[in-house]
Amino acid sequence: MLFQSYIFILLFFPLCLLGFWGLKRQKLLQLWLIAFSLWFYGAASPYYLLLLLGSIAWNYAFFCAIERGIGRVTERVSGNAMERAEYGMERDSSRKRLLLGIGIAGNLALLCFFKYFNAISAGWSQMKGLEDPILQLALPLGISFFTFQQIGFLADAYKGEVGACSLREYVLFVSFFPYVSSGPIVNAQEMLPQYRQIGRQRLDWVKFAGGLYLFALGLSKKVLLADTFGKAVDAGYGNVAGLSGTDAWLVMLFYTLQLYFDFSGYCDMGRGIAHMLGMELPVNFDSPYKASNIIEFWKRWHITLNRFLRKYVYIPLGGNRKGTTRMYLNLFIVFLVSGIWHGAGWNFVLWGALHGALYLVTRAWQRKQPRQQCAADVHVQSGTKKSGVLSTVQHVLCVALTFLFLNFTWMLFRSANLSQAGEFVGRLIGGGFAAPAVQITEAFNLEEFWYVIKILHLDRLPGSELYLCFVFLAVALWLVFFARNAGEREKSFEPNGKTMFVTAFLMIWCVVSLSGVSSFLYYRF
């Protein structure tokens, strides 16, 4: 099920809210949320639901085994009580490590099978000279997110950071519908206490209104901006060979903006839904294109994935505890893992490698010249007007260069393979200058706007077919670089006439525009 669908907005979520705030008993409320979460996930396919439930059963069984310390040995044939206790603890720890290893291996096997089977099948068929792959599997919805989440849960349980957790709480933790399909990747420490407060809190109307406002902002990002840019991107990638240089640069920029509004829109909607249920989800997106270097970008983009990779990959590899060279190697491995996680293709590997390489260069440069960073933290001590202007110019230049790098690497992300990426780069460099193609710009000529243009007879002016394209582009760039993000707006939210009008207007506009929506881009990861 999609957040941006009639069934969710008009049936699913209103019913969920009525039951949630109408029922009183905690266990019943938790079961109510579980039922709606399973409905939400299983709406796409009952087979996906069976897969999710199987994954939950596997991980909860290993969690219980780790918690009980199966295999504990407390006796030896000889030795005093202290030796017997120490021996038992060592055996207990080794058995728990074995259980943790098997549990994580099962998760990774499931994830790798579904994420990389199609790539392996296609490669095998190509080797055999077959035109089509022998078999193709559909990627289960959000499998990477709920798998990573459960790996983190098992690792935290092994370290004693989880404690008791009932099956009911665990099923809700994994399947909760605001994040099951596209994140954020939450941990037990931030969610289980909230689930245990269900039924004890009273409805906070201000928080509820703020959640509805946040949901409306996210929905408008997705329906009005991301999907509009997406139509132009699909048109461009559908005919890469026919793109002019101008078209190629625009399509690359449009995809960068599509991904931004798609992902941030989902995050806003998920957090808004949680707020209306009296809960809080971690911030996963914080105006990342305002970053002045790649390190800052990764502190702002997909924050919970970055947190997961740091805690469960970077630190176990040794982090920065084994010297500078090892630290850089560990960081690069993390980015390769991130690339491979995003997709089965050399374009994703190259995407991760490029981000990792720039991250290491930036990190090394900052370590050597911490006071000369090309970032928002640049401070000129003299305090003169000239030095302030220089600082601003440096910051703007760094933001622009970082944004250009992101545009190029997102192009790798969007391309079907390295071959298409190479062809696209060829169009960027040698495609020549020309007026934007109609099949790209017509995506922005939405009926509600184009009708106004005709009424005002603006369509008679030269280049009128480009007006809406560049209006959309200007608005999107203003939102990305200059406007407050949705989280910042919600912090200062007040339920007054203005905010209620904006919420109602955006909700109505989005609902009447839902017929052409697409799924979230991060669903396929």
Protein backbone atom coordinates (compact mmCIF):
# COMPACT_ATOMS: atom_id res chain seq x y z
CA MET A 1 0.00 0.00 0.00
CA LEU A 2 1.14 3.53 -0.70
CA PHE A 3 0.79 6.55 1.56
CA GLN A 4 -0.20 8.53 -1.54
CA SER A 5 -3.23 6.41 -2.45
CA TYR A 6 -6.98 6.77 -2.05
CA ILE A 7 -7.28 3.61 0.02
CA PHE A 8 -4.67 4.81 2.52
CA ILE A 9 -5.91 8.39 2.86
CA LEU A 10 -9.66 7.74 2.75
CA LEU A 11 -9.99 4.30 4.38
CA PHE A 12 -6.91 2.71 5.93
CA PHE A 13 -5.52 5.51 8.05
CA PRO A 14 -8.85 6.98 9.24
CA LEU A 15 -9.87 3.51 10.47
CA CYS A 16 -6.48 3.04 12.10
CA LEU A 17 -6.78 6.38 13.92
CA LEU A 18 -10.35 5.72 15.08
CA GLY A 19 -9.42 2.40 16.62
CA PHE A 20 -6.13 3.62 18.05
CA TRP A 21 -7.59 6.57 19.91
CA GLY A 22 -10.87 4.80 20.70
CA LEU A 23 -9.47 1.66 22.33
CA LYS A 24 -7.88 1.77 25.77
CA ARG A 25 -6.10 -1.49 26.62
CA GLN A 26 -2.41 -1.54 25.69
CA LYS A 27 -2.25 -5.10 24.37
CA LEU A 28 -5.34 -4.57 22.26
CA LEU A 29 -3.91 -1.34 20.86
CA GLN A 30 -0.62 -3.03 19.99
CA LEU A 31 -2.52 -5.82 18.23
CA TRP A 32 -4.58 -3.17 16.42
CA LEU A 33 -1.42 -1.53 15.05
CA ILE A 34 0.03 -4.93 14.13
CA ALA A 35 -3.12 -5.84 12.20
CA PHE A 36 -3.04 -2.59 10.25
CA SER A 37 0.70 -2.88 9.65
CA LEU A 38 0.31 -6.38 8.22
CA TRP A 39 -2.60 -5.17 6.10
CA PHE A 40 -0.46 -2.30 4.84
CA TYR A 41 2.46 -4.56 3.93
CA GLY A 42 0.40 -7.47 2.61
CA ALA A 43 -1.68 -5.24 0.32
CA ALA A 44 1.11 -5.43 -2.27
CA SER A 45 1.28 -9.23 -2.22
CA PRO A 46 0.34 -11.98 0.28
CA TYR A 47 3.64 -13.69 -0.59
CA TYR A 48 5.54 -10.64 0.65
CA LEU A 49 3.60 -10.83 3.88
CA LEU A 50 4.53 -14.49 4.36
CA LEU A 51 8.17 -13.56 3.75
CA LEU A 52 7.99 -10.77 6.34
CA LEU A 53 6.39 -13.08 8.91
CA GLY A 54 8.97 -15.77 8.21
CA SER A 55 11.78 -13.27 8.71
CA ILE A 56 10.20 -12.14 11.97
CA ALA A 57 9.89 -15.73 13.21
CA TRP A 58 13.53 -16.50 12.34
CA ASN A 59 14.91 -13.47 14.10
CA TYR A 60 12.69 -13.65 17.16
CA ALA A 61 13.68 -17.29 17.69
CA PHE A 62 17.37 -16.33 17.65
CA PHE A 63 16.69 -13.35 19.89
CA CYS A 64 15.05 -15.63 22.47
CA ALA A 65 17.92 -18.11 22.21
CA ILE A 66 20.49 -15.37 22.73
CA GLU A 67 18.56 -13.98 25.69
CA ARG A 68 18.25 -17.37 27.37
CA GLY A 69 21.90 -18.16 26.79
CA ILE A 70 21.26 -21.61 25.33
CA GLY A 71 24.16 -23.96 25.78
CA ARG A 72 25.34 -22.45 29.03
CA VAL A 73 27.86 -24.68 30.73
CA THR A 74 28.16 -24.14 34.44
CA GLU A 75 30.14 -27.14 35.53
CA ARG A 76 33.50 -28.71 34.93
CA VAL A 77 34.84 -32.04 36.05
CA SER A 78 37.45 -30.37 38.25
CA GLY A 79 38.21 -26.92 39.57
CA ASN A 80 36.71 -24.58 42.11
CA ALA A 81 33.44 -22.65 41.85
CA MET A 82 35.08 -19.55 40.36
CA GLU A 83 36.73 -21.57 37.58
CA ARG A 84 33.45 -23.30 36.85
CA ALA A 85 31.63 -19.96 36.64
CA GLU A 86 34.27 -18.43 34.36
CA TYR A 87 34.29 -21.48 32.14
CA GLY A 88 30.52 -21.39 31.94
CA MET A 89 30.54 -17.70 31.01
CA GLU A 90 33.11 -18.31 28.27
CA ARG A 91 31.10 -21.16 26.82
CA ASP A 92 27.92 -19.10 27.15
CA SER A 93 29.52 -16.19 25.30
CA SER A 94 30.84 -18.39 22.50
CA ARG A 95 27.44 -20.02 22.02
CA LYS A 96 25.78 -16.63 21.90
CA ARG A 97 28.29 -15.45 19.30
CA LEU A 98 27.51 -18.55 17.27
CA LEU A 99 23.77 -17.89 17.54
CA LEU A 100 24.29 -14.27 16.56
CA GLY A 101 26.40 -15.32 13.57
CA ILE A 102 23.83 -17.83 12.34
CA GLY A 103 20.98 -15.36 12.82
CA ILE A 104 22.75 -12.61 10.88
CA ALA A 105 23.87 -15.06 8.18
CA GLY A 106 20.25 -16.10 7.65
CA ASN A 107 19.20 -12.49 7.24
CA LEU A 108 22.00 -11.74 4.79
CA ALA A 109 21.28 -14.90 2.80
CA LEU A 110 17.63 -13.91 2.40
CA LEU A 111 18.55 -10.35 1.45
CA CYS A 112 21.23 -11.37 -1.05
CA PHE A 113 19.00 -13.98 -2.64
CA PHE A 114 16.23 -11.53 -3.48
CA LYS A 115 18.44 -8.52 -4.25
CA TYR A 116 21.02 -10.25 -6.44
CA PHE A 117 19.30 -13.30 -7.89
CA ASN A 118 18.09 -11.37 -10.96
CA ALA A 119 21.58 -10.03 -11.69
CA ILE A 120 23.10 -13.50 -11.37
CA SER A 121 20.33 -15.02 -13.49
CA ALA A 122 20.81 -12.39 -16.20
CA GLY A 123 24.58 -12.96 -16.21
CA TRP A 124 24.16 -16.72 -16.43
CA SER A 125 21.68 -16.40 -19.31
CA GLN A 126 24.06 -14.07 -21.12
CA MET A 127 26.87 -16.60 -20.75
CA LYS A 128 24.60 -19.27 -22.24
CA GLY A 129 23.65 -17.02 -25.14
CA LEU A 130 20.01 -16.69 -24.10
CA GLU A 131 18.12 -13.51 -24.92
CA ASP A 132 16.05 -13.47 -21.73
CA PRO A 133 16.99 -14.49 -18.17
CA ILE A 134 15.87 -17.94 -17.11
CA LEU A 135 13.98 -16.57 -14.11
CA GLN A 136 13.33 -13.15 -12.61
CA LEU A 137 12.16 -12.51 -9.04
CA ALA A 138 10.23 -9.50 -7.81
CA LEU A 139 12.04 -7.71 -4.98
CA PRO A 140 9.90 -7.88 -1.82
CA LEU A 141 8.80 -4.49 -0.55
CA GLY A 142 11.30 -2.88 1.84
CA ILE A 143 13.28 -6.10 2.39
CA SER A 144 16.53 -4.21 2.94
CA PHE A 145 15.00 -2.03 5.63
CA PHE A 146 13.36 -4.69 7.78
CA THR A 147 16.36 -7.00 7.33
CA PHE A 148 18.89 -4.37 8.46
CA GLN A 149 16.60 -3.44 11.32
CA GLN A 150 16.49 -7.03 12.58
CA ILE A 151 20.24 -7.50 12.19
CA GLY A 152 20.72 -4.46 14.38
CA PHE A 153 18.20 -5.85 16.89
CA LEU A 154 20.08 -9.16 17.19
CA ALA A 155 23.42 -7.37 17.56
CA ASP A 156 22.01 -5.09 20.26
CA ALA A 157 20.47 -8.08 22.05
CA TYR A 158 23.85 -9.84 22.02
CA LYS A 159 25.41 -6.75 23.65
CA GLY A 160 22.67 -6.64 26.27
CA GLU A 161 21.13 -3.39 24.99
CA VAL A 162 17.60 -4.69 24.39
CA GLY A 163 16.37 -6.63 27.40
CA ALA A 164 12.98 -8.33 27.48
CA CYS A 165 10.80 -8.04 24.39
CA SER A 166 7.54 -9.89 23.88
CA LEU A 167 6.62 -11.40 20.52
CA ARG A 168 3.83 -8.85 20.19
CA GLU A 169 6.26 -5.96 20.71
CA TYR A 170 8.77 -7.47 18.33
CA VAL A 171 6.25 -7.95 15.51
CA LEU A 172 5.16 -4.33 15.91
CA PHE A 173 8.79 -3.18 16.00
CA VAL A 174 9.55 -4.83 12.66
CA SER A 175 6.27 -4.29 10.80
CA PHE A 176 5.08 -0.84 11.95
CA PHE A 177 3.64 0.63 8.75
CA PRO A 178 5.10 4.19 8.86
CA TYR A 179 8.59 2.76 8.27
CA VAL A 180 8.37 -0.89 7.17
CA SER A 181 8.63 -0.21 3.44
CA SER A 182 11.23 2.57 3.13
CA GLY A 183 12.66 3.30 6.54
CA PRO A 184 13.91 4.95 8.64
CA ILE A 185 15.96 2.09 10.07
CA VAL A 186 14.97 2.30 13.72
CA ASN A 187 16.45 0.55 16.75
CA ALA A 188 14.87 -1.07 19.76
CA GLN A 189 16.06 1.56 22.21
CA GLU A 190 14.09 4.34 20.52
CA MET A 191 10.91 2.42 19.61
CA LEU A 192 10.16 -0.24 22.26
CA PRO A 193 9.69 2.33 25.08
CA GLN A 194 7.16 4.15 22.87
CA TYR A 195 5.25 0.96 22.12
CA ARG A 196 5.07 0.31 25.87
CA GLN A 197 3.48 3.73 26.39
CA ILE A 198 0.65 2.97 23.98
CA GLY A 199 -2.69 3.31 25.74
CA ARG A 200 -1.25 5.50 28.50
CA GLN A 201 -0.97 8.76 26.59
CA ARG A 202 -3.77 11.17 25.86
CA LEU A 203 -4.47 12.61 22.46
CA ASP A 204 -2.38 15.76 22.03
CA TRP A 205 -4.32 17.82 19.49
CA VAL A 206 -1.43 20.16 18.80
CA LYS A 207 0.89 17.25 18.03
CA PHE A 208 -1.85 15.60 15.99
CA ALA A 209 -2.37 18.77 13.93
CA GLY A 210 1.39 19.10 13.50
CA GLY A 211 1.54 15.52 12.24
CA LEU A 212 -1.25 16.18 9.73
CA TYR A 213 0.58 19.32 8.58
CA LEU A 214 3.83 17.34 8.17
CA PHE A 215 1.99 14.61 6.26
CA ALA A 216 0.48 17.21 3.90
CA LEU A 217 3.91 18.74 3.23
CA GLY A 218 5.40 15.32 2.50
CA LEU A 219 2.47 14.30 0.31
CA SER A 220 2.81 17.48 -1.76
CA LYS A 221 6.54 16.88 -2.20
CA LYS A 222 5.84 13.42 -3.53
CA VAL A 223 2.72 13.97 -5.65
CA LEU A 224 3.26 17.50 -6.95
CA LEU A 225 7.05 17.67 -7.28
CA ALA A 226 8.76 14.27 -7.27
CA ASP A 227 6.30 12.57 -9.62
CA THR A 228 6.30 15.55 -11.99
CA PHE A 229 10.08 15.54 -12.22
CA GLY A 230 9.91 11.76 -12.51
CA LYS A 231 7.86 11.91 -15.70
CA ALA A 232 10.51 14.09 -17.34
CA VAL A 233 13.29 11.80 -16.09
CA ASP A 234 11.55 8.70 -17.46
CA ALA A 235 11.11 10.42 -20.82
CA GLY A 236 14.81 11.30 -20.92
CA TYR A 237 16.11 7.89 -19.90
CA GLY A 238 13.71 6.27 -22.33
CA ASN A 239 15.69 7.80 -25.20
CA VAL A 240 19.22 8.55 -23.98
CA ALA A 241 20.68 8.35 -27.49
CA GLY A 242 18.35 11.11 -28.65
CA LEU A 243 19.17 13.58 -25.88
CA SER A 244 20.90 16.83 -26.64
CA GLY A 245 23.49 18.13 -24.19
CA THR A 246 20.89 20.53 -22.77
CA ASP A 247 18.38 17.70 -22.32
CA ALA A 248 20.96 15.49 -20.63
CA TRP A 249 21.94 18.16 -18.09
CA LEU A 250 18.29 18.92 -17.37
CA VAL A 251 17.38 15.25 -16.97
CA MET A 252 20.31 14.71 -14.61
CA LEU A 253 19.22 17.71 -12.52
CA PHE A 254 15.58 16.62 -12.61
CA TYR A 255 16.47 13.18 -11.23
CA THR A 256 18.51 14.76 -8.44
CA LEU A 257 15.44 16.79 -7.49
CA GLN A 258 13.05 13.87 -7.97
CA LEU A 259 15.04 11.72 -5.57
CA TYR A 260 15.23 14.55 -3.05
CA PHE A 261 11.51 15.26 -2.95
CA ASP A 262 10.58 11.58 -3.20
CA PHE A 263 12.72 10.52 -0.26
CA SER A 264 12.14 13.59 1.91
CA GLY A 265 8.42 13.41 1.14
CA TYR A 266 8.26 9.81 2.36
CA CYS A 267 10.20 10.68 5.52
CA ASP A 268 7.87 13.60 6.25
CA MET A 269 4.77 11.47 5.73
CA GLY A 270 6.10 8.67 7.93
CA ARG A 271 6.95 11.06 10.76
CA GLY A 272 3.62 12.83 10.36
CA ILE A 273 1.73 9.54 10.64
CA ALA A 274 3.71 8.61 13.76
CA HIS A 275 2.93 11.99 15.34
CA MET A 276 -0.78 11.48 14.75
CA LEU A 277 -0.40 8.19 16.62
CA GLY A 278 1.39 9.93 19.48
CA MET A 279 4.84 8.58 18.58
CA GLU A 280 8.14 9.88 17.27
CA LEU A 281 10.35 8.49 14.49
CA PRO A 282 14.02 9.46 14.12
CA VAL A 283 14.82 12.23 11.65
CA ASN A 284 16.15 10.61 8.48
CA PHE A 285 16.56 13.59 6.18
CA ASP A 286 17.86 17.09 6.96
CA SER A 287 18.24 19.34 3.87
CA PRO A 288 21.21 17.33 2.50
CA TYR A 289 21.74 19.42 -0.64
CA LYS A 290 22.68 22.36 1.55
CA ALA A 291 25.80 20.43 2.53
CA SER A 292 29.10 22.07 1.64
CA ASN A 293 31.05 18.80 1.45
CA ILE A 294 30.40 15.09 1.15
CA ILE A 295 30.95 14.43 4.86
CA GLU A 296 28.26 16.92 5.78
CA PHE A 297 26.01 15.44 3.10
CA TRP A 298 26.17 12.00 4.68
CA LYS A 299 25.26 13.50 8.05
CA ARG A 300 22.08 14.81 6.45
CA TRP A 301 21.05 12.13 3.87
CA HIS A 302 19.49 8.84 4.99
CA ILE A 303 20.71 9.52 8.51
CA THR A 304 19.57 6.20 9.97
CA LEU A 305 21.33 4.15 7.27
CA ASN A 306 24.52 6.08 8.00
CA ARG A 307 23.99 5.36 11.70
CA PHE A 308 23.45 1.65 11.01
CA LEU A 309 26.56 1.30 8.83
CA ARG A 310 28.68 3.13 11.37
CA LYS A 311 27.50 1.05 14.34
CA TYR A 312 27.32 -2.38 12.72
CA VAL A 313 29.97 -2.22 9.97
CA TYR A 314 32.49 0.56 10.57
CA ILE A 315 33.01 0.06 14.32
CA PRO A 316 33.17 -3.78 14.16
CA LEU A 317 35.80 -3.43 11.41
CA GLY A 318 37.91 -1.46 13.87
CA GLY A 319 36.69 2.07 13.24
CA ASN A 320 39.49 4.52 13.86
CA ARG A 321 41.07 2.46 16.63
CA LYS A 322 43.71 0.74 14.47
CA GLY A 323 45.48 3.65 12.85
CA THR A 324 44.79 6.15 10.09
CA THR A 325 45.31 3.78 7.17
CA ARG A 326 42.96 1.20 8.62
CA MET A 327 40.41 3.92 9.36
CA TYR A 328 40.40 5.03 5.72
CA LEU A 329 40.09 1.42 4.55
CA ASN A 330 37.15 0.85 6.91
CA LEU A 331 35.41 3.99 5.67
CA PHE A 332 35.86 2.93 2.05
CA ILE A 333 34.46 -0.53 2.82
CA VAL A 334 31.40 1.11 4.38
CA PHE A 335 30.72 3.05 1.17
CA LEU A 336 31.18 -0.05 -0.96
CA VAL A 337 28.69 -1.86 1.28
CA SER A 338 26.30 1.06 0.86
CA GLY A 339 26.64 0.89 -2.92
CA ILE A 340 26.10 -2.86 -3.03
CA TRP A 341 23.13 -2.53 -0.67
CA HIS A 342 21.45 -0.07 -3.03
CA GLY A 343 21.53 -2.38 -6.03
CA ALA A 344 23.04 -5.31 -7.91
CA GLY A 345 25.04 -3.62 -10.62
CA TRP A 346 28.48 -2.19 -11.26
CA ASN A 347 26.95 1.26 -11.50
CA PHE A 348 26.00 1.01 -7.81
CA VAL A 349 29.48 -0.23 -6.92
CA LEU A 350 30.99 2.71 -8.79
CA TRP A 351 28.55 5.06 -7.08
CA GLY A 352 29.66 3.81 -3.67
CA ALA A 353 33.34 3.91 -4.64
CA LEU A 354 33.13 7.51 -5.88
CA HIS A 355 31.39 8.64 -2.70
CA GLY A 356 33.92 6.74 -0.62
CA ALA A 357 36.89 8.19 -2.49
CA LEU A 358 35.67 11.79 -2.14
CA TYR A 359 34.79 11.15 1.51
CA LEU A 360 38.33 9.95 2.22
CA VAL A 361 39.92 12.88 0.37
CA THR A 362 37.72 15.33 2.27
CA ARG A 363 38.41 13.62 5.58
CA ALA A 364 42.17 13.66 4.97
CA TRP A 365 42.10 17.32 3.92
CA GLN A 366 40.10 18.30 6.99
CA ARG A 367 42.50 16.44 9.28
CA LYS A 368 45.47 18.31 7.84
CA GLN A 369 43.81 21.71 7.62
CA PRO A 370 41.01 21.76 10.19
CA ARG A 371 40.84 25.55 10.16
CA GLN A 372 40.71 25.83 6.41
CA GLN A 373 37.68 23.65 5.76
CA CYS A 374 35.63 24.49 2.72
CA ALA A 375 32.40 24.27 4.66
CA ALA A 376 29.84 26.19 6.61
CA ASP A 377 32.26 26.20 9.56
CA VAL A 378 34.72 28.52 7.82
CA HIS A 379 35.32 31.50 10.08
CA VAL A 380 37.36 34.51 9.14
CA GLN A 381 38.74 36.06 12.30
CA SER A 382 39.19 39.62 11.05
CA GLY A 383 35.46 40.29 10.95
CA THR A 384 35.73 42.75 8.04
CA LYS A 385 33.08 43.06 5.36
CA LYS A 386 35.55 41.78 2.78
CA SER A 387 36.34 38.68 4.82
CA GLY A 388 32.59 38.02 5.31
CA VAL A 389 31.99 38.20 1.58
CA LEU A 390 34.93 35.85 0.96
CA SER A 391 33.56 33.38 3.49
CA THR A 392 30.14 33.45 1.82
CA VAL A 393 31.63 32.97 -1.65
CA GLN A 394 33.70 30.03 -0.39
CA HIS A 395 30.65 28.42 1.16
CA VAL A 396 28.47 28.91 -1.93
CA LEU A 397 31.20 27.50 -4.15
CA CYS A 398 31.59 24.43 -1.95
CA VAL A 399 27.83 23.81 -1.88
CA ALA A 400 27.69 24.16 -5.67
CA LEU A 401 30.60 21.76 -6.25
CA THR A 402 29.14 19.22 -3.83
CA PHE A 403 25.77 19.49 -5.55
CA LEU A 404 27.40 18.99 -8.96
CA PHE A 405 29.16 15.85 -7.69
CA LEU A 406 25.85 14.54 -6.33
CA ASN A 407 24.13 15.17 -9.66
CA PHE A 408 26.76 13.13 -11.47
CA THR A 409 26.70 10.22 -9.02
CA TRP A 410 22.89 10.13 -8.89
CA MET A 411 23.04 9.74 -12.66
CA LEU A 412 24.94 6.47 -12.04
CA PHE A 413 22.27 5.59 -9.51
CA ARG A 414 19.45 6.09 -12.03
CA SER A 415 21.12 4.40 -15.01
CA ALA A 416 20.17 0.80 -15.69
CA ASN A 417 23.84 -0.20 -15.98
CA LEU A 418 27.31 1.19 -16.65
CA SER A 419 26.72 1.06 -20.38
CA GLN A 420 23.75 3.40 -20.15
CA ALA A 421 25.65 5.61 -17.71
CA GLY A 422 28.51 5.88 -20.20
CA GLU A 423 26.10 6.76 -22.98
CA PHE A 424 24.52 9.40 -20.77
CA VAL A 425 27.91 10.96 -19.98
CA GLY A 426 28.56 11.09 -23.72
CA ARG A 427 25.39 13.12 -24.19
CA LEU A 428 26.35 15.43 -21.31
CA ILE A 429 29.71 16.19 -22.92
CA GLY A 430 29.05 15.97 -26.64
CA GLY A 431 25.29 16.31 -27.02
CA GLY A 432 25.46 19.95 -28.05
CA PHE A 433 23.27 22.86 -27.11
CA ALA A 434 19.63 22.94 -28.20
CA ALA A 435 16.22 23.95 -26.90
CA PRO A 436 14.85 21.39 -24.41
CA ALA A 437 12.93 18.56 -26.05
CA VAL A 438 9.14 18.74 -25.90
CA GLN A 439 8.81 15.18 -24.56
CA ILE A 440 10.78 16.28 -21.49
CA THR A 441 9.25 19.69 -20.81
CA GLU A 442 5.65 18.61 -21.42
CA ALA A 443 5.74 16.64 -18.17
CA PHE A 444 5.47 19.97 -16.33
CA ASN A 445 2.45 21.26 -18.25
CA LEU A 446 -0.06 20.17 -15.64
CA GLU A 447 -3.65 20.84 -16.56
CA GLU A 448 -4.37 23.14 -13.62
CA PHE A 449 -1.49 25.42 -14.62
CA TRP A 450 -1.72 25.11 -18.38
CA TYR A 451 -5.37 26.15 -18.23
CA VAL A 452 -4.38 29.42 -16.50
CA ILE A 453 -1.71 30.04 -19.14
CA LYS A 454 -4.31 29.67 -21.88
CA ILE A 455 -6.80 31.93 -20.11
CA LEU A 456 -4.13 34.64 -19.91
CA HIS A 457 -3.10 33.94 -23.54
CA LEU A 458 0.48 33.35 -22.44
CA ASP A 459 0.59 30.34 -24.75
CA ARG A 460 0.84 32.75 -27.67
CA LEU A 461 4.22 34.00 -26.48
CA PRO A 462 7.40 32.38 -27.84
CA GLY A 463 8.70 29.50 -25.79
CA SER A 464 5.51 29.23 -23.75
CA GLU A 465 5.88 25.45 -23.51
CA LEU A 466 8.97 26.02 -21.33
CA TYR A 467 7.38 28.37 -18.80
CA LEU A 468 6.04 25.76 -16.41
CA CYS A 469 9.20 23.68 -16.66
CA PHE A 470 11.36 26.51 -15.43
CA VAL A 471 8.80 27.63 -12.85
CA PHE A 472 8.86 24.12 -11.36
CA LEU A 473 12.64 24.12 -11.48
CA ALA A 474 12.92 27.52 -9.80
CA VAL A 475 10.46 26.57 -7.04
CA ALA A 476 12.22 23.24 -6.44
CA LEU A 477 15.68 24.84 -6.19
CA TRP A 478 14.34 27.49 -3.82
CA LEU A 479 12.85 24.79 -1.57
CA VAL A 480 16.07 22.79 -1.65
CA PHE A 481 18.57 25.57 -0.97
CA PHE A 482 16.75 28.44 0.73
CA ALA A 483 13.48 27.39 2.35
CA ARG A 484 13.11 25.81 5.77
CA ASN A 485 12.63 22.06 5.55
CA ALA A 486 9.49 20.33 6.77
CA GLY A 487 11.02 19.33 10.10
CA GLU A 488 12.01 22.92 10.82
CA ARG A 489 8.54 24.12 9.87
CA GLU A 490 6.92 21.59 12.17
CA LYS A 491 9.02 22.75 15.14
CA SER A 492 7.52 26.23 14.82
CA PHE A 493 4.07 24.90 13.88
CA GLU A 494 1.03 26.50 15.46
CA PRO A 495 -2.50 25.27 14.69
CA ASN A 496 -3.90 28.55 13.42
CA GLY A 497 -5.98 29.57 10.44
CA LYS A 498 -2.99 29.95 8.12
CA THR A 499 -1.48 26.51 8.77
CA MET A 500 -4.86 24.81 8.65
CA PHE A 501 -5.60 26.46 5.30
CA VAL A 502 -2.21 25.37 3.90
CA THR A 503 -2.78 21.81 5.17
CA ALA A 504 -6.29 21.57 3.71
CA PHE A 505 -5.26 23.16 0.41
CA LEU A 506 -2.29 20.81 -0.08
CA MET A 507 -4.28 17.74 0.93
CA ILE A 508 -7.13 18.52 -1.48
CA TRP A 509 -4.75 19.37 -4.33
CA CYS A 510 -2.79 16.16 -3.81
CA VAL A 511 -5.89 13.97 -3.51
CA VAL A 512 -7.30 15.19 -6.81
CA SER A 513 -3.87 14.60 -8.40
CA LEU A 514 -3.38 11.02 -7.15
CA SER A 515 -4.29 9.24 -10.39
CA GLY A 516 -0.79 9.58 -11.82
CA VAL A 517 1.32 8.77 -8.74
CA SER A 518 4.15 6.27 -8.70
CA SER A 519 5.72 4.21 -5.93
CA PHE A 520 8.56 5.59 -3.83
CA LEU A 521 12.01 5.23 -5.36
CA TYR A 522 13.41 3.67 -2.18
CA TYR A 523 10.84 0.85 -2.31
CA ARG A 524 13.20 -1.01 -4.64
CA PHE A 525 16.03 -0.97 -2.13
